[in-house]
Every structure is written in C-alpha cells, then in structure tokens.
Amino acid sequence: MKNILLALLFISPSVFAQLDFGNQQGDAWKLSQKDSSLMFVTTKNASKTELQNFKQISGQIKNNVATVTVDLNSVATGIEIRDQRIKDLFFETKLFSQASAIIKLPARKFSAMKVGDVKIVDLEAELNIHGVKQKETVSTQVILLQNNKLLVSSLKPLIINVQNFKLLQGVNLLREIAHLKSINSAIPVTFNLIFTQ
C-alpha cells in the first residue's frame, strides 16, 4: 500500500488536472497579445494576394466563454497609406473602432484535457464587425501546452464575406481610389491565440 501511495506522489499533477475555463472568480484565461496573431488575406486584380494582420488584439476565457476584441486601428499591411485607407474607407474606424468575437466553449469537450492533448472542434462564434452581428462556424485546433497555457488556432481559414457585414461599399471605394480592377469580397481569416491563466 505504501508503495502505491509513493508512486502516486511522483505522478505529474497534470494527470489529474481538469481544464477549467474560468468557472470560478479570478480564474479567467487572458489572451497574450505578444504571442498571438490574427491575419487576413486580400486578393486584388484576381491574382495579387497579400497578407495583413492586426497589432493589437485582446481577450479572455471565463465561464466557458471566449471573447476576442480587435483594435481595427492597428491594422498593418506594410504600407502606411494603405493602412490609413483601410481604416478610413473600409473599416470606418471613427464609427467602428473594434471588431469582436464571442465563442461558447462546451466544457465537456475540454475538461479532461491534459498537457499535450489536442482537440479538433468546430465552434460557433458570434462576430461583431462594422456594427453587424452574425454567427459563423469556426474550425479550431486547441492544444493544452502547459497547465496554464493554451493555444487556440484556426484549423482552416474562416471566410468573411464583406457583404454580410455591410463592408462592400468600403471595398469598392478602396478599389476605385487605388485604380484596381477588382478586390475580392471574400476574405480568409486565420489566427493563433495563446491564452494563459
């Protein structure tokens, strides 16, 4: 009996740990901005594809709900004048400075995760972009890196149709001012989000 008890003492605590998405006060998981990324792809003139990202994102997981907020003024395309045009003409950040996503996390799917475990799951996200709320299914990969460190990443791109968020006019304005033949109105979005507790 003693040997069994001694053996149990040396087993990693993570074996017994359950992943808790902040069901108790003060246990929220915080998004690490410096370790996280949110990117989107644009295609113009049917063949020129470019990768953009946002420098400032924030979020948390609490009570089995993940929230992510994007500062649209932090858009980074690599060209300053294009950044300003996207902010002014596309996102209209003077009226809509942020975009957000709210995702409910089914506790039963994650509670038994141990360090190193990977979960592939489709989650329903309520997106709020340009003052329009819409639900989208997001294919994600969730990895428990450490007992207090979680990676949530897109398994495949989330395709945002700008027309659904009243952004098509902004796309047309960008196309006209840049003298382009076309800019795709379906925008793939990918993410790698690190949460720590």
N, C-alpha and C. Protein backbone atom coordinates (compact mmCIF):
# COMPACT_ATOMS: atom_id res chain seq x y z
N MET A 1 0.82 -1.20 0.00
CA MET A 1 0.00 0.00 0.00
C MET A 1 0.86 1.26 0.00
N LYS A 2 1.94 1.22 0.81
CA LYS A 2 2.85 2.37 0.87
C LYS A 2 3.47 2.65 -0.49
N ASN A 3 3.85 1.56 -1.18
CA ASN A 3 4.47 1.74 -2.49
C ASN A 3 3.51 2.39 -3.47
N ILE A 4 2.25 2.03 -3.39
CA ILE A 4 1.25 2.62 -4.28
C ILE A 4 1.11 4.11 -4.00
N LEU A 5 1.06 4.48 -2.72
CA LEU A 5 0.93 5.89 -2.35
C LEU A 5 2.14 6.70 -2.79
N LEU A 6 3.34 6.11 -2.61
CA LEU A 6 4.56 6.80 -3.03
C LEU A 6 4.57 7.01 -4.54
N ALA A 7 4.14 6.00 -5.27
CA ALA A 7 4.11 6.12 -6.73
C ALA A 7 3.16 7.23 -7.17
N LEU A 8 2.02 7.32 -6.50
CA LEU A 8 1.05 8.37 -6.84
C LEU A 8 1.61 9.76 -6.59
N LEU A 9 2.43 9.91 -5.57
CA LEU A 9 3.01 11.21 -5.24
C LEU A 9 3.94 11.70 -6.34
N PHE A 10 4.55 10.77 -7.06
CA PHE A 10 5.53 11.16 -8.08
C PHE A 10 4.91 11.31 -9.47
N ILE A 11 3.65 10.96 -9.60
CA ILE A 11 2.98 11.15 -10.88
C ILE A 11 2.71 12.63 -11.08
N SER A 12 2.92 13.11 -12.29
CA SER A 12 2.70 14.53 -12.60
C SER A 12 1.30 14.96 -12.22
N PRO A 13 1.15 16.13 -11.58
CA PRO A 13 -0.18 16.64 -11.23
C PRO A 13 -1.06 16.83 -12.44
N SER A 14 -0.47 17.02 -13.62
CA SER A 14 -1.28 17.28 -14.82
C SER A 14 -2.15 16.08 -15.18
N VAL A 15 -1.77 14.89 -14.71
CA VAL A 15 -2.57 13.71 -15.00
C VAL A 15 -3.96 13.85 -14.39
N PHE A 16 -4.02 14.51 -13.22
CA PHE A 16 -5.29 14.63 -12.52
C PHE A 16 -5.99 15.96 -12.82
N ALA A 17 -5.27 16.87 -13.48
CA ALA A 17 -5.82 18.21 -13.70
C ALA A 17 -6.95 18.18 -14.71
N GLN A 18 -7.95 19.02 -14.46
CA GLN A 18 -9.02 19.22 -15.43
C GLN A 18 -8.93 20.64 -15.93
N LEU A 19 -9.13 20.81 -17.24
CA LEU A 19 -9.06 22.13 -17.83
C LEU A 19 -10.29 22.92 -17.42
N ASP A 20 -10.06 24.01 -16.71
CA ASP A 20 -11.15 24.83 -16.18
C ASP A 20 -11.14 26.18 -16.89
N PHE A 21 -12.17 26.45 -17.67
CA PHE A 21 -12.24 27.71 -18.39
C PHE A 21 -12.89 28.80 -17.55
N GLY A 22 -12.31 29.03 -16.37
CA GLY A 22 -12.70 30.18 -15.56
C GLY A 22 -14.08 30.09 -14.99
N ASN A 23 -14.41 28.94 -14.40
CA ASN A 23 -15.72 28.83 -13.77
C ASN A 23 -15.76 29.46 -12.38
N GLN A 24 -14.58 29.75 -11.85
CA GLN A 24 -14.51 30.36 -10.54
C GLN A 24 -13.95 31.76 -10.67
N GLN A 25 -14.36 32.62 -9.75
CA GLN A 25 -13.93 34.02 -9.82
C GLN A 25 -12.41 34.12 -9.75
N GLY A 26 -11.85 34.90 -10.68
CA GLY A 26 -10.40 35.12 -10.70
C GLY A 26 -9.62 34.11 -11.52
N ASP A 27 -10.34 33.15 -12.12
CA ASP A 27 -9.66 32.10 -12.87
C ASP A 27 -9.68 32.31 -14.38
N ALA A 28 -9.94 33.51 -14.82
CA ALA A 28 -10.03 33.77 -16.26
C ALA A 28 -8.69 33.53 -16.94
N TRP A 29 -8.76 33.03 -18.18
CA TRP A 29 -7.58 32.89 -19.03
C TRP A 29 -7.45 34.17 -19.84
N LYS A 30 -6.26 34.75 -19.86
CA LYS A 30 -6.03 36.02 -20.55
C LYS A 30 -5.29 35.77 -21.86
N LEU A 31 -5.69 36.48 -22.90
CA LEU A 31 -5.01 36.36 -24.18
C LEU A 31 -3.66 37.09 -24.12
N SER A 32 -2.62 36.42 -24.58
CA SER A 32 -1.29 37.03 -24.65
C SER A 32 -1.13 37.69 -26.02
N GLN A 33 -1.17 39.01 -26.03
CA GLN A 33 -1.10 39.73 -27.30
C GLN A 33 0.22 39.50 -28.02
N LYS A 34 1.32 39.49 -27.29
CA LYS A 34 2.64 39.38 -27.92
C LYS A 34 2.86 38.00 -28.54
N ASP A 35 2.15 36.99 -28.06
CA ASP A 35 2.33 35.64 -28.58
C ASP A 35 1.23 35.22 -29.55
N SER A 36 0.27 36.10 -29.79
CA SER A 36 -0.89 35.76 -30.61
C SER A 36 -0.87 36.52 -31.93
N SER A 37 -1.60 35.98 -32.90
CA SER A 37 -1.69 36.66 -34.20
C SER A 37 -3.07 36.45 -34.80
N LEU A 38 -3.50 37.47 -35.54
CA LEU A 38 -4.76 37.43 -36.29
C LEU A 38 -4.48 38.03 -37.65
N MET A 39 -4.65 37.23 -38.70
CA MET A 39 -4.25 37.65 -40.04
C MET A 39 -5.40 37.49 -41.02
N PHE A 40 -5.37 38.31 -42.07
CA PHE A 40 -6.35 38.14 -43.14
C PHE A 40 -5.67 38.34 -44.49
N VAL A 41 -6.26 37.74 -45.51
CA VAL A 41 -5.66 37.74 -46.85
C VAL A 41 -6.58 38.51 -47.80
N THR A 42 -5.97 39.39 -48.60
CA THR A 42 -6.73 40.09 -49.63
C THR A 42 -6.14 39.75 -51.00
N THR A 43 -7.02 39.72 -51.98
CA THR A 43 -6.60 39.45 -53.36
C THR A 43 -7.14 40.56 -54.26
N LYS A 44 -6.24 41.18 -54.99
CA LYS A 44 -6.66 42.25 -55.90
C LYS A 44 -6.26 41.91 -57.33
N ASN A 45 -7.02 42.45 -58.26
CA ASN A 45 -6.81 42.18 -59.69
C ASN A 45 -6.72 40.68 -59.97
N ALA A 46 -7.48 39.91 -59.20
CA ALA A 46 -7.68 38.47 -59.39
C ALA A 46 -6.46 37.60 -59.10
N SER A 47 -5.26 38.19 -59.00
CA SER A 47 -4.08 37.33 -58.87
C SER A 47 -3.06 37.79 -57.82
N LYS A 48 -3.12 39.04 -57.38
CA LYS A 48 -2.13 39.53 -56.41
C LYS A 48 -2.68 39.37 -55.00
N THR A 49 -2.08 38.48 -54.25
CA THR A 49 -2.55 38.17 -52.89
C THR A 49 -1.57 38.71 -51.86
N GLU A 50 -2.13 39.34 -50.81
CA GLU A 50 -1.30 39.96 -49.77
C GLU A 50 -1.83 39.59 -48.39
N LEU A 51 -0.89 39.48 -47.44
CA LEU A 51 -1.21 39.10 -46.07
C LEU A 51 -1.17 40.33 -45.17
N GLN A 52 -2.26 40.53 -44.43
CA GLN A 52 -2.36 41.64 -43.48
C GLN A 52 -2.55 41.10 -42.06
N ASN A 53 -2.29 41.92 -41.07
CA ASN A 53 -2.56 41.49 -39.70
C ASN A 53 -2.96 42.68 -38.83
N PHE A 54 -3.25 42.37 -37.56
CA PHE A 54 -3.59 43.40 -36.59
C PHE A 54 -2.56 43.35 -35.45
N LYS A 55 -2.09 44.50 -35.03
CA LYS A 55 -1.06 44.55 -33.99
C LYS A 55 -1.64 44.49 -32.58
N GLN A 56 -2.90 44.82 -32.43
CA GLN A 56 -3.49 44.87 -31.08
C GLN A 56 -4.77 44.06 -31.02
N ILE A 57 -4.69 42.95 -30.29
CA ILE A 57 -5.86 42.13 -30.01
C ILE A 57 -5.86 41.80 -28.52
N SER A 58 -7.03 41.63 -27.97
CA SER A 58 -7.14 41.30 -26.55
C SER A 58 -8.25 40.27 -26.38
N GLY A 59 -8.31 39.65 -25.21
CA GLY A 59 -9.37 38.68 -24.99
C GLY A 59 -9.19 37.90 -23.71
N GLN A 60 -10.17 37.06 -23.43
CA GLN A 60 -10.11 36.21 -22.25
C GLN A 60 -11.07 35.04 -22.43
N ILE A 61 -10.91 34.03 -21.58
CA ILE A 61 -11.85 32.93 -21.47
C ILE A 61 -12.32 32.88 -20.03
N LYS A 62 -13.62 33.01 -19.84
CA LYS A 62 -14.20 32.96 -18.48
C LYS A 62 -15.62 32.43 -18.57
N ASN A 63 -15.98 31.60 -17.59
CA ASN A 63 -17.31 30.99 -17.57
C ASN A 63 -17.62 30.27 -18.88
N ASN A 64 -16.59 29.59 -19.42
CA ASN A 64 -16.72 28.81 -20.65
C ASN A 64 -17.10 29.65 -21.86
N VAL A 65 -16.76 30.93 -21.83
CA VAL A 65 -16.99 31.81 -22.97
C VAL A 65 -15.68 32.53 -23.30
N ALA A 66 -15.27 32.42 -24.57
CA ALA A 66 -14.08 33.13 -25.04
C ALA A 66 -14.52 34.41 -25.74
N THR A 67 -13.85 35.50 -25.42
CA THR A 67 -14.09 36.77 -26.11
C THR A 67 -12.76 37.28 -26.66
N VAL A 68 -12.80 37.74 -27.89
CA VAL A 68 -11.62 38.31 -28.53
C VAL A 68 -12.02 39.64 -29.15
N THR A 69 -11.24 40.68 -28.86
CA THR A 69 -11.51 42.02 -29.38
C THR A 69 -10.31 42.49 -30.19
N VAL A 70 -10.61 43.05 -31.37
CA VAL A 70 -9.56 43.51 -32.29
C VAL A 70 -9.64 45.02 -32.41
N ASP A 71 -8.51 45.69 -32.20
CA ASP A 71 -8.42 47.12 -32.44
C ASP A 71 -8.18 47.32 -33.94
N LEU A 72 -9.22 47.77 -34.65
CA LEU A 72 -9.13 47.89 -36.11
C LEU A 72 -8.16 48.99 -36.54
N ASN A 73 -7.88 49.93 -35.66
CA ASN A 73 -6.89 50.96 -35.97
C ASN A 73 -5.46 50.42 -35.98
N SER A 74 -5.29 49.17 -35.54
CA SER A 74 -3.95 48.57 -35.50
C SER A 74 -3.68 47.73 -36.74
N VAL A 75 -4.52 47.85 -37.77
CA VAL A 75 -4.31 47.07 -38.98
C VAL A 75 -2.93 47.39 -39.58
N ALA A 76 -2.25 46.35 -40.03
CA ALA A 76 -0.88 46.52 -40.55
C ALA A 76 -0.75 45.77 -41.87
N THR A 77 -0.60 46.55 -42.95
CA THR A 77 -0.46 45.96 -44.29
C THR A 77 0.96 46.08 -44.83
N GLY A 78 1.79 46.84 -44.14
CA GLY A 78 3.14 47.08 -44.61
C GLY A 78 3.28 48.36 -45.40
N ILE A 79 2.14 49.02 -45.70
CA ILE A 79 2.17 50.29 -46.44
C ILE A 79 1.29 51.28 -45.68
N GLU A 80 1.89 52.36 -45.21
CA GLU A 80 1.20 53.29 -44.32
C GLU A 80 -0.05 53.90 -44.94
N ILE A 81 0.03 54.34 -46.20
CA ILE A 81 -1.12 54.98 -46.84
C ILE A 81 -2.26 53.98 -47.01
N ARG A 82 -1.90 52.72 -47.26
CA ARG A 82 -2.94 51.68 -47.40
C ARG A 82 -3.59 51.40 -46.05
N ASP A 83 -2.79 51.39 -44.98
CA ASP A 83 -3.35 51.22 -43.64
C ASP A 83 -4.41 52.30 -43.38
N GLN A 84 -4.07 53.56 -43.71
CA GLN A 84 -4.98 54.66 -43.44
C GLN A 84 -6.25 54.55 -44.28
N ARG A 85 -6.11 54.15 -45.52
CA ARG A 85 -7.28 53.99 -46.38
C ARG A 85 -8.20 52.88 -45.87
N ILE A 86 -7.60 51.78 -45.42
CA ILE A 86 -8.41 50.69 -44.89
C ILE A 86 -9.16 51.14 -43.64
N LYS A 87 -8.47 51.89 -42.78
CA LYS A 87 -9.13 52.39 -41.57
C LYS A 87 -10.25 53.37 -41.89
N ASP A 88 -10.00 54.29 -42.81
CA ASP A 88 -10.97 55.34 -43.11
C ASP A 88 -12.11 54.87 -44.00
N LEU A 89 -11.78 54.13 -45.07
CA LEU A 89 -12.77 53.80 -46.09
C LEU A 89 -13.43 52.44 -45.90
N PHE A 90 -12.66 51.48 -45.39
CA PHE A 90 -13.20 50.12 -45.27
C PHE A 90 -13.81 49.88 -43.88
N PHE A 91 -12.98 49.95 -42.84
CA PHE A 91 -13.49 49.70 -41.50
C PHE A 91 -14.27 50.88 -40.93
N GLU A 92 -14.01 52.09 -41.44
CA GLU A 92 -14.63 53.32 -40.89
C GLU A 92 -14.43 53.37 -39.37
N THR A 93 -13.16 53.36 -38.97
CA THR A 93 -12.84 53.22 -37.55
C THR A 93 -13.27 54.39 -36.68
N LYS A 94 -13.59 55.53 -37.29
CA LYS A 94 -14.14 56.63 -36.48
C LYS A 94 -15.52 56.27 -35.93
N LEU A 95 -16.20 55.36 -36.63
CA LEU A 95 -17.52 54.89 -36.18
C LEU A 95 -17.44 53.51 -35.54
N PHE A 96 -16.57 52.66 -36.08
CA PHE A 96 -16.47 51.27 -35.62
C PHE A 96 -14.99 50.95 -35.38
N SER A 97 -14.51 51.26 -34.21
CA SER A 97 -13.07 51.12 -33.94
C SER A 97 -12.66 49.70 -33.58
N GLN A 98 -13.63 48.85 -33.25
CA GLN A 98 -13.30 47.49 -32.83
C GLN A 98 -14.17 46.46 -33.55
N ALA A 99 -13.64 45.27 -33.65
CA ALA A 99 -14.41 44.09 -34.04
C ALA A 99 -14.23 43.06 -32.94
N SER A 100 -15.21 42.17 -32.79
CA SER A 100 -15.11 41.21 -31.69
C SER A 100 -15.74 39.87 -32.07
N ALA A 101 -15.35 38.87 -31.30
CA ALA A 101 -15.93 37.53 -31.45
C ALA A 101 -16.22 36.98 -30.06
N ILE A 102 -17.38 36.35 -29.93
CA ILE A 102 -17.78 35.68 -28.68
C ILE A 102 -18.03 34.21 -29.02
N ILE A 103 -17.33 33.33 -28.32
CA ILE A 103 -17.42 31.90 -28.62
C ILE A 103 -17.72 31.13 -27.33
N LYS A 104 -18.79 30.35 -27.34
CA LYS A 104 -19.11 29.50 -26.21
C LYS A 104 -18.34 28.19 -26.34
N LEU A 105 -17.67 27.82 -25.27
CA LEU A 105 -16.84 26.61 -25.26
C LEU A 105 -17.55 25.50 -24.49
N PRO A 106 -17.94 24.42 -25.14
CA PRO A 106 -18.59 23.32 -24.43
C PRO A 106 -17.62 22.65 -23.46
N ALA A 107 -17.87 22.82 -22.17
CA ALA A 107 -16.94 22.35 -21.14
C ALA A 107 -16.65 20.86 -21.26
N ARG A 108 -17.65 20.07 -21.65
CA ARG A 108 -17.47 18.61 -21.70
C ARG A 108 -16.41 18.20 -22.72
N LYS A 109 -16.16 19.03 -23.72
CA LYS A 109 -15.18 18.69 -24.75
C LYS A 109 -13.75 18.94 -24.30
N PHE A 110 -13.58 19.79 -23.28
CA PHE A 110 -12.23 20.21 -22.90
C PHE A 110 -11.82 19.84 -21.48
N SER A 111 -12.76 19.47 -20.64
CA SER A 111 -12.45 19.33 -19.21
C SER A 111 -11.42 18.24 -18.91
N ALA A 112 -11.36 17.21 -19.74
CA ALA A 112 -10.44 16.10 -19.46
C ALA A 112 -9.09 16.27 -20.14
N MET A 113 -8.82 17.42 -20.76
CA MET A 113 -7.56 17.61 -21.47
C MET A 113 -6.38 17.63 -20.52
N LYS A 114 -5.28 16.99 -20.97
CA LYS A 114 -4.03 17.01 -20.24
C LYS A 114 -2.99 17.71 -21.09
N VAL A 115 -1.88 18.08 -20.48
CA VAL A 115 -0.81 18.77 -21.22
C VAL A 115 -0.39 17.93 -22.43
N GLY A 116 -0.37 18.57 -23.59
CA GLY A 116 -0.01 17.89 -24.82
C GLY A 116 -1.20 17.41 -25.62
N ASP A 117 -2.37 17.39 -25.01
CA ASP A 117 -3.57 16.94 -25.72
C ASP A 117 -3.99 17.95 -26.79
N VAL A 118 -4.55 17.41 -27.88
CA VAL A 118 -5.02 18.24 -28.99
C VAL A 118 -6.49 17.93 -29.23
N LYS A 119 -7.29 18.96 -29.36
CA LYS A 119 -8.71 18.81 -29.68
C LYS A 119 -9.01 19.53 -30.98
N ILE A 120 -9.69 18.84 -31.89
CA ILE A 120 -10.16 19.44 -33.13
C ILE A 120 -11.67 19.62 -32.98
N VAL A 121 -12.13 20.86 -33.07
CA VAL A 121 -13.55 21.10 -32.80
C VAL A 121 -14.06 22.30 -33.59
N ASP A 122 -15.29 22.19 -34.08
CA ASP A 122 -15.97 23.32 -34.71
C ASP A 122 -16.73 24.08 -33.64
N LEU A 123 -16.50 25.38 -33.57
CA LEU A 123 -17.13 26.22 -32.57
C LEU A 123 -17.96 27.30 -33.24
N GLU A 124 -19.05 27.66 -32.61
CA GLU A 124 -19.90 28.73 -33.14
C GLU A 124 -19.45 30.06 -32.54
N ALA A 125 -19.16 31.00 -33.41
CA ALA A 125 -18.71 32.32 -32.98
C ALA A 125 -19.73 33.38 -33.39
N GLU A 126 -20.02 34.28 -32.49
CA GLU A 126 -20.83 35.45 -32.84
C GLU A 126 -19.88 36.60 -33.14
N LEU A 127 -19.79 36.96 -34.40
CA LEU A 127 -18.90 38.03 -34.83
C LEU A 127 -19.64 39.36 -34.82
N ASN A 128 -18.94 40.40 -34.40
CA ASN A 128 -19.49 41.76 -34.42
C ASN A 128 -18.49 42.62 -35.19
N ILE A 129 -18.82 42.90 -36.46
CA ILE A 129 -17.94 43.66 -37.34
C ILE A 129 -18.74 44.76 -38.00
N HIS A 130 -18.23 45.98 -37.92
CA HIS A 130 -18.89 47.11 -38.58
C HIS A 130 -20.33 47.29 -38.11
N GLY A 131 -20.56 46.97 -36.84
CA GLY A 131 -21.88 47.14 -36.25
C GLY A 131 -22.87 46.05 -36.59
N VAL A 132 -22.41 44.99 -37.27
CA VAL A 132 -23.29 43.88 -37.67
C VAL A 132 -22.87 42.62 -36.91
N LYS A 133 -23.85 41.95 -36.30
CA LYS A 133 -23.58 40.69 -35.60
C LYS A 133 -24.04 39.52 -36.46
N GLN A 134 -23.19 38.52 -36.54
CA GLN A 134 -23.53 37.34 -37.33
C GLN A 134 -22.80 36.13 -36.77
N LYS A 135 -23.47 34.98 -36.82
CA LYS A 135 -22.86 33.75 -36.32
C LYS A 135 -22.17 33.00 -37.45
N GLU A 136 -20.96 32.52 -37.15
CA GLU A 136 -20.16 31.76 -38.09
C GLU A 136 -19.57 30.54 -37.38
N THR A 137 -19.38 29.46 -38.12
CA THR A 137 -18.72 28.28 -37.57
C THR A 137 -17.22 28.38 -37.81
N VAL A 138 -16.45 28.20 -36.74
CA VAL A 138 -15.01 28.33 -36.80
C VAL A 138 -14.37 26.97 -36.51
N SER A 139 -13.57 26.47 -37.45
CA SER A 139 -12.86 25.20 -37.26
C SER A 139 -11.56 25.48 -36.51
N THR A 140 -11.41 24.90 -35.33
CA THR A 140 -10.27 25.22 -34.48
C THR A 140 -9.50 23.98 -34.04
N GLN A 141 -8.25 24.24 -33.69
CA GLN A 141 -7.40 23.24 -33.04
C GLN A 141 -6.99 23.81 -31.69
N VAL A 142 -7.27 23.06 -30.64
CA VAL A 142 -6.97 23.52 -29.28
C VAL A 142 -5.92 22.60 -28.68
N ILE A 143 -4.81 23.19 -28.21
CA ILE A 143 -3.72 22.41 -27.63
C ILE A 143 -3.41 22.96 -26.24
N LEU A 144 -3.41 22.08 -25.24
CA LEU A 144 -3.00 22.48 -23.90
C LEU A 144 -1.48 22.35 -23.84
N LEU A 145 -0.77 23.48 -23.94
CA LEU A 145 0.69 23.49 -23.99
C LEU A 145 1.29 23.24 -22.60
N GLN A 146 0.69 23.88 -21.59
CA GLN A 146 1.07 23.70 -20.20
C GLN A 146 -0.22 23.76 -19.38
N ASN A 147 -0.13 23.47 -18.10
CA ASN A 147 -1.35 23.54 -17.28
C ASN A 147 -1.98 24.92 -17.31
N ASN A 148 -1.16 25.95 -17.57
CA ASN A 148 -1.69 27.32 -17.56
C ASN A 148 -1.48 28.03 -18.90
N LYS A 149 -1.31 27.24 -19.99
CA LYS A 149 -1.05 27.85 -21.29
C LYS A 149 -1.77 27.06 -22.37
N LEU A 150 -2.59 27.77 -23.15
CA LEU A 150 -3.47 27.14 -24.12
C LEU A 150 -3.30 27.81 -25.48
N LEU A 151 -3.20 27.00 -26.54
CA LEU A 151 -3.14 27.50 -27.90
C LEU A 151 -4.45 27.18 -28.61
N VAL A 152 -5.08 28.22 -29.14
CA VAL A 152 -6.29 28.05 -29.95
C VAL A 152 -5.97 28.61 -31.34
N SER A 153 -6.02 27.76 -32.35
CA SER A 153 -5.66 28.21 -33.69
C SER A 153 -6.70 27.76 -34.71
N SER A 154 -6.73 28.45 -35.84
CA SER A 154 -7.67 28.10 -36.89
C SER A 154 -7.17 26.86 -37.62
N LEU A 155 -8.02 25.86 -37.75
CA LEU A 155 -7.66 24.65 -38.48
C LEU A 155 -7.74 24.91 -39.98
N LYS A 156 -8.68 25.73 -40.37
CA LYS A 156 -8.79 26.20 -41.75
C LYS A 156 -9.29 27.63 -41.71
N PRO A 157 -9.04 28.41 -42.74
CA PRO A 157 -9.41 29.83 -42.69
C PRO A 157 -10.92 30.02 -42.52
N LEU A 158 -11.26 31.04 -41.76
CA LEU A 158 -12.64 31.49 -41.67
C LEU A 158 -12.86 32.49 -42.80
N ILE A 159 -13.81 32.23 -43.67
CA ILE A 159 -14.05 33.10 -44.82
C ILE A 159 -15.10 34.15 -44.44
N ILE A 160 -14.68 35.41 -44.44
CA ILE A 160 -15.58 36.51 -44.13
C ILE A 160 -16.08 37.11 -45.44
N ASN A 161 -17.39 37.08 -45.64
CA ASN A 161 -18.00 37.73 -46.80
C ASN A 161 -18.32 39.16 -46.40
N VAL A 162 -17.63 40.13 -46.99
CA VAL A 162 -17.76 41.52 -46.55
C VAL A 162 -19.18 42.06 -46.73
N GLN A 163 -19.90 41.51 -47.70
CA GLN A 163 -21.26 41.98 -47.94
C GLN A 163 -22.17 41.70 -46.74
N ASN A 164 -21.89 40.59 -46.03
CA ASN A 164 -22.70 40.25 -44.86
C ASN A 164 -22.52 41.22 -43.72
N PHE A 165 -21.43 42.00 -43.74
CA PHE A 165 -21.14 42.96 -42.66
C PHE A 165 -21.18 44.41 -43.17
N LYS A 166 -21.88 44.63 -44.27
CA LYS A 166 -22.06 45.97 -44.84
C LYS A 166 -20.72 46.66 -45.12
N LEU A 167 -19.78 45.87 -45.64
CA LEU A 167 -18.45 46.39 -45.94
C LEU A 167 -18.16 46.45 -47.44
N LEU A 168 -19.12 46.06 -48.26
CA LEU A 168 -18.89 46.02 -49.69
C LEU A 168 -18.63 47.41 -50.27
N GLN A 169 -19.33 48.39 -49.76
CA GLN A 169 -19.11 49.76 -50.24
C GLN A 169 -17.67 50.19 -49.98
N GLY A 170 -17.15 49.82 -48.82
CA GLY A 170 -15.76 50.14 -48.50
C GLY A 170 -14.78 49.47 -49.44
N VAL A 171 -15.06 48.22 -49.82
CA VAL A 171 -14.21 47.52 -50.79
C VAL A 171 -14.20 48.27 -52.12
N ASN A 172 -15.38 48.71 -52.56
CA ASN A 172 -15.48 49.43 -53.83
C ASN A 172 -14.75 50.77 -53.79
N LEU A 173 -14.80 51.44 -52.65
CA LEU A 173 -14.07 52.71 -52.51
C LEU A 173 -12.57 52.48 -52.58
N LEU A 174 -12.10 51.42 -51.92
CA LEU A 174 -10.66 51.10 -51.98
C LEU A 174 -10.24 50.76 -53.41
N ARG A 175 -11.07 50.01 -54.09
CA ARG A 175 -10.76 49.63 -55.47
C ARG A 175 -10.66 50.86 -56.37
N GLU A 176 -11.60 51.79 -56.20
CA GLU A 176 -11.61 52.98 -57.04
C GLU A 176 -10.42 53.89 -56.77
N ILE A 177 -10.12 54.11 -55.49
CA ILE A 177 -9.05 55.05 -55.16
C ILE A 177 -7.68 54.49 -55.54
N ALA A 178 -7.55 53.16 -55.55
CA ALA A 178 -6.27 52.53 -55.91
C ALA A 178 -6.23 52.15 -57.39
N HIS A 179 -7.29 52.47 -58.13
CA HIS A 179 -7.37 52.20 -59.58
C HIS A 179 -7.16 50.72 -59.87
N LEU A 180 -7.89 49.89 -59.13
CA LEU A 180 -7.79 48.45 -59.31
C LEU A 180 -8.99 47.92 -60.09
N LYS A 181 -8.79 46.82 -60.79
CA LYS A 181 -9.90 46.20 -61.50
C LYS A 181 -10.83 45.47 -60.53
N SER A 182 -10.25 44.86 -59.49
CA SER A 182 -11.07 44.09 -58.55
C SER A 182 -10.35 43.91 -57.22
N ILE A 183 -11.16 43.74 -56.17
CA ILE A 183 -10.69 43.30 -54.85
C ILE A 183 -11.68 42.24 -54.38
N ASN A 184 -11.20 41.08 -54.02
CA ASN A 184 -12.10 40.01 -53.60
C ASN A 184 -12.92 40.42 -52.38
N SER A 185 -14.20 40.06 -52.40
CA SER A 185 -15.08 40.40 -51.28
C SER A 185 -15.19 39.26 -50.26
N ALA A 186 -14.54 38.14 -50.52
CA ALA A 186 -14.46 37.04 -49.56
C ALA A 186 -13.04 37.01 -49.00
N ILE A 187 -12.93 37.23 -47.70
CA ILE A 187 -11.62 37.41 -47.07
C ILE A 187 -11.32 36.27 -46.10
N PRO A 188 -10.28 35.47 -46.37
CA PRO A 188 -9.88 34.42 -45.43
C PRO A 188 -9.18 35.01 -44.20
N VAL A 189 -9.58 34.53 -43.04
CA VAL A 189 -9.00 34.99 -41.77
C VAL A 189 -8.44 33.79 -41.03
N THR A 190 -7.21 33.91 -40.53
CA THR A 190 -6.59 32.86 -39.72
C THR A 190 -6.10 33.45 -38.41
N PHE A 191 -5.92 32.58 -37.40
CA PHE A 191 -5.48 33.08 -36.10
C PHE A 191 -4.72 32.01 -35.34
N ASN A 192 -3.82 32.48 -34.49
CA ASN A 192 -3.13 31.67 -33.49
C ASN A 192 -3.19 32.46 -32.19
N LEU A 193 -3.96 31.96 -31.24
CA LEU A 193 -4.20 32.70 -30.00
C LEU A 193 -3.65 31.92 -28.81
N ILE A 194 -2.83 32.57 -28.02
CA ILE A 194 -2.28 31.98 -26.80
C ILE A 194 -3.01 32.59 -25.60
N PHE A 195 -3.57 31.72 -24.77
CA PHE A 195 -4.22 32.15 -23.53
C PHE A 195 -3.43 31.59 -22.34
N THR A 196 -3.25 32.40 -21.33
CA THR A 196 -2.56 31.95 -20.12
C THR A 196 -3.44 32.22 -18.90
N GLN A 197 -3.25 31.38 -17.89
CA GLN A 197 -4.04 31.51 -16.67
C GLN A 197 -3.15 31.79 -15.48
